[in-house]
N, C-alpha and C. Protein backbone atom coordinates (compact mmCIF):
# COMPACT_ATOMS: atom_id res chain seq x y z
N GLY A 1 12.58 14.54 17.75
CA GLY A 1 12.16 13.36 18.47
C GLY A 1 12.35 12.12 17.64
N LEU A 2 12.26 11.02 18.32
CA LEU A 2 12.39 9.72 17.67
C LEU A 2 11.01 9.13 17.40
N ALA A 3 10.93 8.28 16.40
CA ALA A 3 9.66 7.68 15.99
C ALA A 3 9.33 6.44 16.81
N ASP A 4 8.03 6.22 17.04
CA ASP A 4 7.56 5.00 17.69
C ASP A 4 7.60 3.82 16.72
N GLY A 5 7.38 4.11 15.44
CA GLY A 5 7.37 3.06 14.43
C GLY A 5 7.69 3.62 13.06
N ILE A 6 8.26 2.77 12.23
CA ILE A 6 8.59 3.14 10.85
C ILE A 6 8.13 2.01 9.94
N PHE A 7 7.47 2.38 8.84
CA PHE A 7 7.01 1.42 7.85
C PHE A 7 7.80 1.62 6.57
N LEU A 8 8.34 0.53 6.04
CA LEU A 8 9.11 0.56 4.80
C LEU A 8 8.34 -0.19 3.72
N ASP A 9 8.20 0.41 2.57
CA ASP A 9 7.60 -0.23 1.41
C ASP A 9 8.45 0.18 0.21
N LEU A 10 9.63 -0.45 0.12
CA LEU A 10 10.65 -0.07 -0.85
C LEU A 10 11.18 -1.29 -1.57
N PRO A 11 11.79 -1.10 -2.74
CA PRO A 11 12.40 -2.23 -3.45
C PRO A 11 13.60 -2.83 -2.69
N GLY A 12 14.34 -2.03 -1.93
CA GLY A 12 15.51 -2.52 -1.20
C GLY A 12 15.49 -2.08 0.26
N PRO A 13 14.56 -2.59 1.06
CA PRO A 13 14.43 -2.09 2.44
C PRO A 13 15.66 -2.33 3.30
N TRP A 14 16.45 -3.35 3.03
CA TRP A 14 17.64 -3.64 3.82
C TRP A 14 18.66 -2.50 3.74
N LYS A 15 18.58 -1.71 2.67
CA LYS A 15 19.51 -0.60 2.48
C LYS A 15 19.26 0.56 3.46
N VAL A 16 18.06 0.63 4.04
CA VAL A 16 17.73 1.76 4.92
C VAL A 16 17.45 1.34 6.36
N VAL A 17 17.69 0.08 6.69
CA VAL A 17 17.43 -0.39 8.06
C VAL A 17 18.30 0.39 9.06
N ALA A 18 19.55 0.66 8.73
CA ALA A 18 20.43 1.40 9.64
C ALA A 18 19.89 2.81 9.89
N SER A 19 19.46 3.47 8.85
CA SER A 19 18.89 4.81 8.99
C SER A 19 17.61 4.77 9.82
N ALA A 20 16.77 3.77 9.56
CA ALA A 20 15.53 3.62 10.34
C ALA A 20 15.85 3.37 11.80
N ALA A 21 16.87 2.56 12.08
CA ALA A 21 17.24 2.25 13.46
C ALA A 21 17.64 3.52 14.21
N ARG A 22 18.34 4.42 13.55
CA ARG A 22 18.76 5.68 14.18
C ARG A 22 17.56 6.60 14.45
N SER A 23 16.47 6.40 13.72
CA SER A 23 15.30 7.26 13.84
C SER A 23 14.25 6.70 14.81
N LEU A 24 14.45 5.49 15.31
CA LEU A 24 13.49 4.83 16.19
C LEU A 24 13.83 5.00 17.66
N ARG A 25 12.80 5.05 18.49
CA ARG A 25 13.00 4.98 19.93
C ARG A 25 13.55 3.59 20.26
N PRO A 26 14.17 3.41 21.43
CA PRO A 26 14.73 2.10 21.78
C PRO A 26 13.69 0.97 21.76
N ASP A 27 12.42 1.28 22.05
CA ASP A 27 11.37 0.26 22.02
C ASP A 27 10.51 0.38 20.76
N GLY A 28 11.03 1.06 19.72
CA GLY A 28 10.27 1.28 18.50
C GLY A 28 10.12 0.03 17.65
N VAL A 29 9.23 0.12 16.68
CA VAL A 29 8.91 -1.02 15.81
C VAL A 29 9.23 -0.64 14.36
N LEU A 30 9.90 -1.55 13.68
CA LEU A 30 10.19 -1.39 12.26
C LEU A 30 9.39 -2.44 11.51
N CYS A 31 8.63 -2.00 10.51
CA CYS A 31 7.81 -2.91 9.70
C CYS A 31 8.18 -2.70 8.25
N SER A 32 8.43 -3.80 7.54
CA SER A 32 8.81 -3.73 6.14
C SER A 32 7.89 -4.63 5.32
N PHE A 33 7.37 -4.10 4.22
CA PHE A 33 6.54 -4.87 3.30
C PHE A 33 7.38 -5.25 2.09
N SER A 34 7.48 -6.54 1.82
CA SER A 34 8.28 -7.02 0.69
C SER A 34 7.56 -8.16 -0.01
N PRO A 35 7.49 -8.13 -1.35
CA PRO A 35 6.80 -9.18 -2.08
C PRO A 35 7.63 -10.46 -2.27
N CYS A 36 8.95 -10.39 -2.12
CA CYS A 36 9.81 -11.54 -2.38
C CYS A 36 10.52 -12.00 -1.12
N ILE A 37 10.64 -13.29 -0.94
CA ILE A 37 11.28 -13.83 0.26
C ILE A 37 12.74 -13.42 0.34
N GLU A 38 13.40 -13.24 -0.81
CA GLU A 38 14.79 -12.81 -0.80
C GLU A 38 14.94 -11.43 -0.17
N GLN A 39 13.99 -10.54 -0.45
CA GLN A 39 14.00 -9.21 0.17
C GLN A 39 13.79 -9.32 1.67
N VAL A 40 12.88 -10.18 2.07
CA VAL A 40 12.60 -10.40 3.49
C VAL A 40 13.85 -10.92 4.20
N GLN A 41 14.51 -11.90 3.60
CA GLN A 41 15.71 -12.49 4.21
C GLN A 41 16.82 -11.44 4.38
N ARG A 42 17.05 -10.64 3.36
CA ARG A 42 18.11 -9.62 3.44
C ARG A 42 17.77 -8.56 4.49
N THR A 43 16.50 -8.17 4.55
CA THR A 43 16.08 -7.16 5.52
C THR A 43 16.18 -7.70 6.95
N CYS A 44 15.75 -8.92 7.17
CA CYS A 44 15.84 -9.54 8.50
C CYS A 44 17.29 -9.70 8.93
N ALA A 45 18.15 -10.10 8.00
CA ALA A 45 19.58 -10.26 8.32
C ALA A 45 20.19 -8.93 8.72
N GLU A 46 19.84 -7.88 8.01
CA GLU A 46 20.37 -6.54 8.33
C GLU A 46 19.84 -6.06 9.68
N ALA A 47 18.56 -6.32 9.95
CA ALA A 47 17.97 -5.92 11.22
C ALA A 47 18.64 -6.65 12.39
N ALA A 48 18.89 -7.94 12.22
CA ALA A 48 19.56 -8.72 13.28
C ALA A 48 20.98 -8.20 13.50
N LYS A 49 21.67 -7.88 12.42
CA LYS A 49 23.04 -7.37 12.51
C LYS A 49 23.08 -6.05 13.29
N LEU A 50 22.02 -5.26 13.19
CA LEU A 50 21.96 -3.97 13.86
C LEU A 50 21.34 -4.04 15.26
N GLY A 51 21.06 -5.26 15.73
CA GLY A 51 20.59 -5.42 17.10
C GLY A 51 19.09 -5.43 17.30
N PHE A 52 18.30 -5.51 16.23
CA PHE A 52 16.85 -5.64 16.40
C PHE A 52 16.53 -6.97 17.05
N LYS A 53 15.52 -6.99 17.91
CA LYS A 53 15.08 -8.21 18.59
C LYS A 53 13.66 -8.54 18.14
N GLU A 54 13.21 -9.73 18.46
CA GLU A 54 11.83 -10.15 18.14
C GLU A 54 11.52 -9.97 16.66
N ILE A 55 12.41 -10.42 15.81
CA ILE A 55 12.22 -10.30 14.35
C ILE A 55 11.23 -11.37 13.91
N GLN A 56 10.19 -10.95 13.22
CA GLN A 56 9.15 -11.86 12.75
C GLN A 56 8.90 -11.65 11.26
N THR A 57 8.49 -12.71 10.59
CA THR A 57 8.03 -12.61 9.21
C THR A 57 6.59 -13.10 9.18
N ILE A 58 5.72 -12.28 8.65
CA ILE A 58 4.30 -12.61 8.57
C ILE A 58 3.86 -12.52 7.12
N GLU A 59 3.20 -13.57 6.63
CA GLU A 59 2.69 -13.55 5.26
C GLU A 59 1.28 -12.99 5.27
N ILE A 60 1.03 -12.05 4.39
CA ILE A 60 -0.30 -11.47 4.25
C ILE A 60 -0.87 -11.93 2.92
N LEU A 61 -1.94 -12.69 2.96
CA LEU A 61 -2.57 -13.18 1.74
C LEU A 61 -3.62 -12.20 1.27
N LEU A 62 -3.70 -12.04 -0.03
CA LEU A 62 -4.71 -11.16 -0.60
C LEU A 62 -6.04 -11.90 -0.72
N ARG A 63 -7.12 -11.17 -0.57
CA ARG A 63 -8.45 -11.74 -0.73
C ARG A 63 -9.19 -10.88 -1.75
N GLU A 64 -9.83 -11.53 -2.70
CA GLU A 64 -10.56 -10.82 -3.73
C GLU A 64 -11.94 -10.43 -3.22
N TYR A 65 -12.33 -9.19 -3.50
CA TYR A 65 -13.64 -8.70 -3.12
C TYR A 65 -14.44 -8.42 -4.38
N ASP A 66 -15.71 -8.78 -4.37
CA ASP A 66 -16.59 -8.49 -5.48
C ASP A 66 -17.38 -7.24 -5.10
N LEU A 67 -17.02 -6.12 -5.70
CA LEU A 67 -17.65 -4.85 -5.38
C LEU A 67 -18.65 -4.46 -6.46
N ASP A 68 -19.70 -3.76 -6.06
CA ASP A 68 -20.61 -3.18 -7.04
C ASP A 68 -19.83 -2.12 -7.81
N HIS A 69 -20.23 -1.85 -9.00
CA HIS A 69 -19.57 -0.84 -9.82
C HIS A 69 -20.43 0.41 -9.84
N PRO A 70 -20.22 1.34 -8.92
CA PRO A 70 -21.05 2.55 -8.91
C PRO A 70 -20.79 3.40 -10.14
N THR A 71 -21.82 4.04 -10.62
CA THR A 71 -21.71 4.92 -11.77
C THR A 71 -22.09 6.32 -11.33
N LEU A 72 -21.24 7.29 -11.64
CA LEU A 72 -21.48 8.67 -11.27
C LEU A 72 -21.85 9.46 -12.51
N THR A 73 -22.87 10.29 -12.40
CA THR A 73 -23.21 11.19 -13.49
C THR A 73 -22.41 12.46 -13.30
N THR A 74 -21.77 12.92 -14.38
CA THR A 74 -20.91 14.10 -14.28
C THR A 74 -21.49 15.25 -15.07
N MET A 75 -21.15 16.45 -14.65
CA MET A 75 -21.57 17.64 -15.38
C MET A 75 -20.58 17.92 -16.50
N SER A 76 -21.07 18.39 -17.62
CA SER A 76 -20.21 18.71 -18.74
C SER A 76 -19.61 20.09 -18.58
N LEU A 77 -18.34 20.21 -18.87
CA LEU A 77 -17.66 21.50 -18.85
C LEU A 77 -17.38 21.97 -20.27
N GLN A 78 -17.91 21.24 -21.27
CA GLN A 78 -17.69 21.59 -22.66
C GLN A 78 -18.74 22.59 -23.14
N ARG A 79 -18.33 23.52 -24.02
CA ARG A 79 -19.28 24.47 -24.59
C ARG A 79 -20.22 23.75 -25.53
N GLY A 80 -21.46 24.13 -25.49
CA GLY A 80 -22.43 23.59 -26.42
C GLY A 80 -22.94 22.21 -26.07
N ALA A 81 -22.54 21.67 -24.94
CA ALA A 81 -23.03 20.34 -24.56
C ALA A 81 -24.49 20.46 -24.15
N GLN A 82 -25.27 19.50 -24.54
CA GLN A 82 -26.67 19.47 -24.19
C GLN A 82 -26.81 18.98 -22.75
N ALA A 83 -27.36 19.81 -21.89
CA ALA A 83 -27.54 19.42 -20.49
C ALA A 83 -28.87 18.73 -20.34
N GLY A 84 -28.85 17.65 -19.61
CA GLY A 84 -30.08 16.91 -19.31
C GLY A 84 -30.65 17.37 -17.99
N PRO A 85 -31.52 16.56 -17.38
CA PRO A 85 -32.09 16.92 -16.09
C PRO A 85 -30.98 17.17 -15.07
N SER A 86 -31.16 18.09 -14.21
CA SER A 86 -30.24 18.49 -13.15
C SER A 86 -28.90 18.97 -13.70
N GLY A 87 -28.89 19.45 -14.94
CA GLY A 87 -27.68 20.07 -15.48
C GLY A 87 -26.62 19.10 -15.96
N THR A 88 -26.94 17.83 -16.14
CA THR A 88 -25.94 16.86 -16.59
C THR A 88 -26.12 16.55 -18.06
N THR A 89 -25.08 16.02 -18.68
CA THR A 89 -25.14 15.66 -20.10
C THR A 89 -25.42 14.17 -20.26
N GLY A 90 -25.51 13.47 -19.17
CA GLY A 90 -25.71 12.03 -19.25
C GLY A 90 -24.39 11.28 -19.35
N ALA A 91 -23.27 12.02 -19.37
CA ALA A 91 -21.97 11.36 -19.38
C ALA A 91 -21.81 10.59 -18.07
N LYS A 92 -21.22 9.43 -18.14
CA LYS A 92 -21.05 8.59 -16.96
C LYS A 92 -19.58 8.39 -16.67
N ARG A 93 -19.23 8.44 -15.42
CA ARG A 93 -17.88 8.13 -14.98
C ARG A 93 -18.00 6.89 -14.10
N SER A 94 -17.33 5.83 -14.49
CA SER A 94 -17.43 4.57 -13.75
C SER A 94 -16.18 4.32 -12.94
N PHE A 95 -16.35 3.61 -11.87
CA PHE A 95 -15.24 3.23 -11.01
C PHE A 95 -15.37 1.74 -10.72
N ALA A 96 -14.29 1.00 -10.89
CA ALA A 96 -14.28 -0.41 -10.55
C ALA A 96 -12.99 -0.71 -9.80
N ALA A 97 -13.11 -1.29 -8.64
CA ALA A 97 -11.94 -1.68 -7.87
C ALA A 97 -11.69 -3.17 -8.09
N VAL A 98 -10.49 -3.51 -8.47
CA VAL A 98 -10.14 -4.89 -8.75
C VAL A 98 -8.94 -5.26 -7.89
N SER A 99 -9.06 -6.36 -7.20
CA SER A 99 -7.95 -6.85 -6.38
C SER A 99 -7.62 -8.26 -6.84
N GLN A 100 -6.38 -8.53 -7.15
CA GLN A 100 -5.99 -9.86 -7.59
C GLN A 100 -5.55 -10.67 -6.40
N SER A 101 -6.01 -11.91 -6.33
CA SER A 101 -5.62 -12.81 -5.26
C SER A 101 -4.48 -13.68 -5.72
N GLU A 102 -3.52 -13.88 -4.84
CA GLU A 102 -2.41 -14.78 -5.14
C GLU A 102 -2.67 -16.08 -4.40
N GLY A 103 -2.44 -17.18 -5.06
CA GLY A 103 -2.56 -18.47 -4.41
C GLY A 103 -3.97 -19.00 -4.33
N GLU A 104 -4.94 -18.30 -4.93
CA GLU A 104 -6.29 -18.80 -4.94
C GLU A 104 -6.68 -19.10 -6.38
N GLY A 105 -7.45 -20.15 -6.59
CA GLY A 105 -7.80 -20.53 -7.95
C GLY A 105 -9.12 -20.09 -8.41
């Protein structure tokens, strides 16, 4: 069967537009994510050459989020480790999600 939509997130998306077109239904949607306008221009030009209609370019701006930094207590798998309450050694595994914003000061 043919796909309803295809998403491209590649360094050279214009190189695979023809292959994607063969894999799409006639009313299918092709979406490409590109960080540089030159990539966008080349991909749009290739899509137009292959008969795609309603070609749009949409800029997606990043937004920074301030997240709490949850801390997880982990169990030790090492021999001889001193286990604390509930079988843990008190070792902590931290997770922090960081998102960089472009164009914001």
